[in-house]
N, C-alpha and C. Protein backbone atom coordinates (compact mmCIF):
# COMPACT_ATOMS: atom_id res chain seq x y z
N UNK A 1 0.84 -1.04 0.13
CA UNK A 1 0.06 0.01 0.09
C UNK A 1 0.93 1.23 -0.04
N UNK A 2 0.47 2.31 -0.82
CA UNK A 2 1.32 3.54 -0.81
C UNK A 2 0.31 4.71 -0.58
N UNK A 3 0.65 5.60 0.07
CA UNK A 3 0.02 6.73 0.35
C UNK A 3 -0.42 7.55 -1.02
N UNK A 4 -1.42 7.88 -1.27
CA UNK A 4 -1.81 8.64 -2.57
C UNK A 4 -0.75 9.79 -2.76
N UNK A 5 -0.48 10.58 -1.58
CA UNK A 5 0.34 11.80 -1.75
C UNK A 5 1.81 11.37 -2.33
N UNK A 6 2.02 10.14 -2.26
CA UNK A 6 3.42 9.67 -2.56
C UNK A 6 3.62 8.98 -3.84
N UNK A 7 2.88 9.31 -4.63
CA UNK A 7 2.82 8.46 -6.00
C UNK A 7 3.80 9.24 -7.10
N UNK A 8 4.32 10.41 -7.02
CA UNK A 8 5.32 11.02 -7.77
C UNK A 8 6.56 10.28 -7.95
N UNK A 9 6.94 10.05 -9.04
CA UNK A 9 8.28 9.39 -9.47
C UNK A 9 8.27 7.99 -9.28
N UNK A 10 6.98 7.30 -9.38
CA UNK A 10 6.82 5.92 -9.35
C UNK A 10 6.11 5.52 -10.61
N UNK A 11 6.40 4.33 -11.08
CA UNK A 11 5.87 3.93 -12.15
C UNK A 11 4.29 3.58 -11.84
N UNK A 12 3.48 3.36 -12.87
CA UNK A 12 1.97 3.23 -12.57
C UNK A 12 1.83 1.79 -11.96
N UNK A 13 2.64 0.75 -12.39
CA UNK A 13 2.69 -0.62 -12.14
C UNK A 13 3.07 -0.86 -10.42
N UNK A 14 3.98 0.09 -10.09
CA UNK A 14 4.41 0.02 -8.74
C UNK A 14 3.40 0.51 -7.81
N UNK A 15 2.22 1.28 -8.16
CA UNK A 15 1.18 1.52 -7.13
C UNK A 15 -0.04 0.69 -7.29
N UNK A 16 -0.07 -0.02 -8.43
CA UNK A 16 -1.26 -1.00 -8.68
C UNK A 16 -1.24 -2.02 -7.62
N UNK A 17 -2.44 -2.40 -7.13
CA UNK A 17 -2.75 -3.42 -6.37
C UNK A 17 -3.20 -4.59 -7.36
N UNK A 18 -3.19 -5.76 -6.82
CA UNK A 18 -3.83 -6.90 -7.69
C UNK A 18 -5.18 -6.91 -8.01
N UNK A 19 -5.99 -6.09 -7.32
CA UNK A 19 -7.46 -5.95 -7.53
C UNK A 19 -7.71 -4.56 -8.37
N UNK A 20 -6.63 -3.78 -8.77
CA UNK A 20 -6.74 -2.44 -9.36
C UNK A 20 -7.56 -2.66 -10.75
N UNK A 21 -8.69 -1.94 -10.87
CA UNK A 21 -9.38 -2.00 -12.20
C UNK A 21 -8.91 -1.24 -13.15
N UNK A 22 -8.55 -1.38 -14.26
CA UNK A 22 -7.79 -0.67 -15.39
C UNK A 22 -9.11 -0.25 -16.40
N UNK A 23 -9.55 0.68 -16.18
CA UNK A 23 -10.89 1.22 -17.02
C UNK A 23 -10.67 1.57 -18.24
N UNK A 24 -9.60 2.12 -18.62
CA UNK A 24 -9.29 2.58 -20.09
C UNK A 24 -7.76 2.80 -20.09
N UNK A 25 -6.95 2.33 -21.19
CA UNK A 25 -5.66 2.48 -21.34
C UNK A 25 -5.32 2.81 -22.81
N UNK A 26 -4.21 3.46 -22.90
CA UNK A 26 -3.77 4.07 -24.15
C UNK A 26 -3.33 2.85 -25.09
N UNK A 27 -2.33 2.15 -24.57
CA UNK A 27 -1.73 1.12 -25.13
C UNK A 27 -1.04 0.10 -24.43
N UNK A 28 -0.28 -0.79 -24.78
CA UNK A 28 0.42 -1.88 -24.02
C UNK A 28 1.49 -0.99 -23.51
N UNK A 29 1.92 -1.50 -22.36
CA UNK A 29 3.17 -0.92 -21.70
C UNK A 29 2.81 0.38 -20.97
N UNK A 30 1.37 0.87 -20.89
CA UNK A 30 1.01 2.19 -20.33
C UNK A 30 1.47 2.26 -18.72
N UNK A 31 1.34 0.94 -18.10
CA UNK A 31 1.81 0.77 -16.63
C UNK A 31 3.01 1.08 -16.43
N UNK A 32 4.00 1.01 -17.53
CA UNK A 32 5.31 1.29 -17.28
C UNK A 32 5.58 2.71 -17.26
N UNK A 33 4.62 3.76 -17.20
CA UNK A 33 4.83 5.01 -17.29
C UNK A 33 5.13 5.51 -15.91
N UNK A 34 6.07 6.61 -15.81
CA UNK A 34 6.30 7.22 -14.63
C UNK A 34 5.57 8.46 -14.26
N UNK A 35 5.19 8.40 -13.06
CA UNK A 35 4.18 9.59 -12.64
C UNK A 35 4.80 10.71 -12.43
N UNK A 36 4.91 11.97 -13.05
CA UNK A 36 5.82 12.97 -13.01
C UNK A 36 5.11 13.94 -11.89
N UNK A 37 3.95 14.25 -12.10
CA UNK A 37 3.36 15.21 -11.33
C UNK A 37 1.83 14.90 -11.07
N UNK A 38 1.48 14.48 -9.88
CA UNK A 38 0.07 14.33 -9.53
C UNK A 38 -0.47 15.30 -8.90
N UNK A 39 -1.92 15.62 -9.03
CA UNK A 39 -2.47 16.71 -8.54
C UNK A 39 -3.63 16.04 -7.82
N UNK A 40 -4.15 16.49 -6.53
CA UNK A 40 -5.32 15.98 -5.80
C UNK A 40 -6.52 16.67 -6.21
N UNK A 41 -7.45 16.05 -6.66
CA UNK A 41 -8.78 16.60 -7.32
C UNK A 41 -9.64 16.66 -6.05
N UNK A 42 -9.35 15.86 -5.00
CA UNK A 42 -10.22 16.02 -3.86
C UNK A 42 -10.36 14.59 -3.15
N UNK A 43 -11.32 14.48 -2.14
CA UNK A 43 -11.52 13.48 -1.18
C UNK A 43 -12.99 13.57 -0.90
N UNK A 44 -13.59 12.20 -0.95
CA UNK A 44 -14.99 11.77 -0.69
C UNK A 44 -14.94 10.81 0.22
N UNK A 45 -15.01 10.85 1.39
CA UNK A 45 -15.06 10.03 2.37
C UNK A 45 -13.57 9.36 2.67
N UNK A 46 -13.34 7.90 2.24
CA UNK A 46 -12.07 7.40 2.32
C UNK A 46 -11.56 7.34 0.90
N UNK A 47 -12.38 8.00 -0.04
CA UNK A 47 -11.69 7.93 -1.45
C UNK A 47 -10.94 9.32 -1.79
N UNK A 48 -9.67 8.90 -2.32
CA UNK A 48 -8.81 10.28 -2.88
C UNK A 48 -8.91 10.04 -4.31
N UNK A 49 -8.94 11.14 -4.94
CA UNK A 49 -8.96 11.34 -6.27
C UNK A 49 -7.56 12.02 -6.95
N UNK A 50 -6.75 11.53 -7.60
CA UNK A 50 -5.68 12.33 -8.11
C UNK A 50 -5.77 12.13 -9.66
N UNK A 51 -5.02 13.21 -10.30
CA UNK A 51 -4.91 12.79 -11.88
C UNK A 51 -3.50 13.62 -12.04
N UNK A 52 -3.12 13.13 -13.25
CA UNK A 52 -1.74 13.56 -13.98
C UNK A 52 -2.36 14.21 -15.26
N UNK A 53 -1.44 14.49 -16.17
CA UNK A 53 -1.57 15.22 -17.53
C UNK A 53 -2.51 14.19 -18.52
N UNK A 54 -2.49 12.83 -17.82
CA UNK A 54 -3.19 11.76 -18.76
C UNK A 54 -3.80 10.68 -18.08
N UNK A 55 -3.82 10.67 -16.68
CA UNK A 55 -4.44 9.58 -15.99
C UNK A 55 -5.29 10.00 -14.94
N UNK A 56 -6.16 9.34 -14.21
CA UNK A 56 -6.93 9.50 -13.14
C UNK A 56 -6.99 8.28 -12.21
N UNK A 57 -6.39 8.60 -10.94
CA UNK A 57 -6.22 7.41 -10.24
C UNK A 57 -7.28 7.58 -8.84
N UNK A 58 -8.07 6.52 -8.59
CA UNK A 58 -9.07 6.33 -7.67
C UNK A 58 -8.58 5.47 -6.51
N UNK A 59 -8.11 6.20 -5.24
CA UNK A 59 -7.72 5.53 -4.17
C UNK A 59 -8.76 5.29 -3.22
N UNK A 60 -8.81 3.97 -2.68
CA UNK A 60 -10.14 3.88 -1.59
C UNK A 60 -9.00 3.24 -0.44
N UNK A 61 -9.02 3.90 0.71
CA UNK A 61 -8.47 3.64 1.95
C UNK A 61 -6.98 3.36 1.62
N UNK A 62 -6.41 4.21 0.79
CA UNK A 62 -4.92 4.05 0.37
C UNK A 62 -4.55 3.30 -0.62
N UNK A 63 -5.47 2.26 -1.13
CA UNK A 63 -5.44 1.28 -2.07
C UNK A 63 -5.58 1.82 -3.57
N UNK A 64 -5.11 1.55 -4.53
CA UNK A 64 -5.32 2.08 -5.98
C UNK A 64 -6.60 1.24 -6.50
N UNK A 65 -7.91 1.73 -6.41
CA UNK A 65 -8.90 0.97 -6.65
C UNK A 65 -9.34 1.07 -8.23
N UNK A 66 -9.01 2.10 -9.05
CA UNK A 66 -9.30 2.17 -10.38
C UNK A 66 -8.28 3.21 -10.77
N UNK A 67 -8.05 2.97 -12.24
CA UNK A 67 -7.15 4.03 -13.02
C UNK A 67 -7.82 4.03 -14.17
N UNK A 68 -7.92 5.31 -14.88
CA UNK A 68 -8.32 5.29 -16.36
C UNK A 68 -7.26 6.44 -17.00
N UNK A 69 -7.40 6.29 -18.30
CA UNK A 69 -6.58 7.22 -19.18
C UNK A 69 -7.41 8.13 -19.76
N UNK A 70 -6.91 9.43 -19.94
CA UNK A 70 -7.62 10.42 -20.56
C UNK A 70 -6.56 11.13 -21.48
N UNK A 71 -6.85 11.04 -22.89
CA UNK A 71 -5.84 11.54 -23.75
C UNK A 71 -5.89 13.28 -23.59
N UNK A 72 -4.69 13.80 -23.27
CA UNK A 72 -4.77 15.32 -23.19
C UNK A 72 -5.69 15.85 -22.21
N UNK A 73 -5.60 15.26 -21.07
CA UNK A 73 -6.69 15.62 -19.90
C UNK A 73 -6.76 17.31 -19.73
N UNK A 74 -7.94 17.90 -20.07
CA UNK A 74 -8.12 19.40 -20.10
C UNK A 74 -8.70 19.85 -18.73
N UNK A 75 -9.69 18.95 -18.36
CA UNK A 75 -10.51 19.37 -17.08
C UNK A 75 -10.91 18.31 -16.43
N UNK A 76 -11.11 18.43 -15.04
CA UNK A 76 -11.63 17.38 -14.13
C UNK A 76 -12.52 18.10 -13.19
N UNK A 77 -13.63 17.54 -12.90
CA UNK A 77 -14.42 18.18 -12.01
C UNK A 77 -15.03 17.00 -10.98
N UNK A 78 -15.21 17.19 -9.71
CA UNK A 78 -15.72 16.38 -8.67
C UNK A 78 -17.03 16.90 -8.08
N UNK A 79 -18.03 16.11 -8.22
CA UNK A 79 -19.13 16.34 -7.66
C UNK A 79 -19.34 15.57 -6.51
N UNK A 80 -18.82 15.98 -5.28
CA UNK A 80 -18.98 15.00 -4.20
C UNK A 80 -20.32 14.63 -3.67
N UNK A 81 -21.25 15.48 -3.68
CA UNK A 81 -22.55 15.09 -3.36
C UNK A 81 -23.03 13.97 -4.22
N UNK A 82 -22.96 14.11 -5.52
CA UNK A 82 -23.31 13.13 -6.28
C UNK A 82 -22.49 11.92 -6.50
N UNK A 83 -21.38 11.94 -6.16
CA UNK A 83 -20.22 10.87 -6.17
C UNK A 83 -19.76 10.74 -7.71
N UNK A 84 -19.65 11.93 -8.42
CA UNK A 84 -19.43 11.97 -9.81
C UNK A 84 -17.96 12.54 -10.22
N UNK A 85 -17.10 11.97 -10.83
CA UNK A 85 -16.06 12.38 -11.66
C UNK A 85 -16.26 12.79 -12.99
N UNK A 86 -16.08 13.93 -13.49
CA UNK A 86 -16.20 14.08 -14.83
C UNK A 86 -14.91 14.65 -15.35
N UNK A 87 -14.42 14.03 -16.51
CA UNK A 87 -13.08 14.68 -17.15
C UNK A 87 -13.26 14.93 -18.48
N UNK A 88 -12.62 15.92 -19.01
CA UNK A 88 -12.60 16.16 -20.33
C UNK A 88 -11.22 16.16 -21.11
N UNK A 89 -11.06 15.36 -22.02
CA UNK A 89 -9.80 15.05 -22.69
C UNK A 89 -10.06 15.67 -24.29
N UNK A 90 -9.04 15.44 -24.94
CA UNK A 90 -8.91 16.01 -26.20
C UNK A 90 -10.08 15.01 -27.14
N UNK A 91 -11.25 15.49 -27.34
CA UNK A 91 -12.29 14.83 -28.01
C UNK A 91 -12.99 13.72 -27.27
N UNK A 92 -12.74 13.74 -25.95
CA UNK A 92 -13.59 12.69 -25.14
C UNK A 92 -14.05 13.36 -23.75
N UNK A 93 -14.87 12.59 -23.36
CA UNK A 93 -15.77 12.99 -22.03
C UNK A 93 -15.49 11.60 -21.23
N UNK A 94 -15.28 11.63 -19.88
CA UNK A 94 -15.07 10.38 -19.09
C UNK A 94 -16.10 10.68 -17.79
N UNK A 95 -16.88 9.62 -17.47
CA UNK A 95 -17.45 9.90 -16.31
C UNK A 95 -17.10 8.72 -15.22
N UNK A 96 -17.13 8.83 -14.15
CA UNK A 96 -16.81 7.72 -13.24
C UNK A 96 -17.60 7.97 -11.93
N UNK A 97 -18.27 7.06 -11.44
CA UNK A 97 -19.16 6.98 -10.39
C UNK A 97 -18.51 6.19 -9.12
N UNK A 98 -18.51 7.26 -8.18
CA UNK A 98 -17.55 6.68 -6.88
C UNK A 98 -18.36 5.62 -6.14
N UNK A 99 -19.75 5.48 -6.18
CA UNK A 99 -20.35 4.55 -5.33
C UNK A 99 -20.13 3.14 -5.92
N UNK A 100 -20.14 3.12 -7.26
CA UNK A 100 -20.12 1.56 -7.81
C UNK A 100 -18.91 1.33 -8.71
N UNK A 101 -18.23 2.47 -9.00
CA UNK A 101 -17.04 2.18 -9.87
C UNK A 101 -17.64 2.26 -11.41
N UNK A 102 -18.62 2.36 -11.76
CA UNK A 102 -19.15 2.48 -13.09
C UNK A 102 -18.51 3.59 -13.71
N UNK A 103 -18.15 3.40 -15.19
CA UNK A 103 -17.22 4.28 -15.97
C UNK A 103 -17.75 4.37 -17.38
N UNK A 104 -17.79 5.58 -17.96
CA UNK A 104 -18.15 5.85 -19.21
C UNK A 104 -17.36 6.72 -19.96
N UNK A 105 -16.90 6.22 -21.28
CA UNK A 105 -16.00 7.31 -22.01
C UNK A 105 -16.80 7.55 -23.32
N UNK A 106 -16.92 8.79 -23.68
CA UNK A 106 -17.59 9.11 -24.96
C UNK A 106 -16.80 10.05 -25.80
N UNK A 107 -16.95 9.96 -27.08
CA UNK A 107 -16.09 10.76 -28.06
C UNK A 107 -17.17 12.16 -28.33
N UNK A 108 -16.42 13.10 -28.48
CA UNK A 108 -17.36 14.49 -28.56
C UNK A 108 -17.19 14.96 -29.98
N UNK A 109 -16.50 14.04 -30.88
CA UNK A 109 -16.40 14.56 -32.38
C UNK A 109 -17.14 13.53 -33.18
């Protein structure tokens, strides 16, 4: 287990748990990417949400529960009351529901 605030300079595969759900990925070898600069989007209960320029990380009680890729991530918003994370990337939108891990990605073009 790794504390979410300590993921910088680690490879994604180093912070993954055996039960981590990969909801979307760019290509093979994506988990070998090094996390350069993570930013905390917020916390809802025991869940911490962090992101980089192209990944969103969902930690539950310090364990990486889910990760998904967003090409050229431009915006991320957290609706804590509804338990919804919405991200906008280059020609894509992504929605992730905190209560059940439901994930949806759609193209805007």
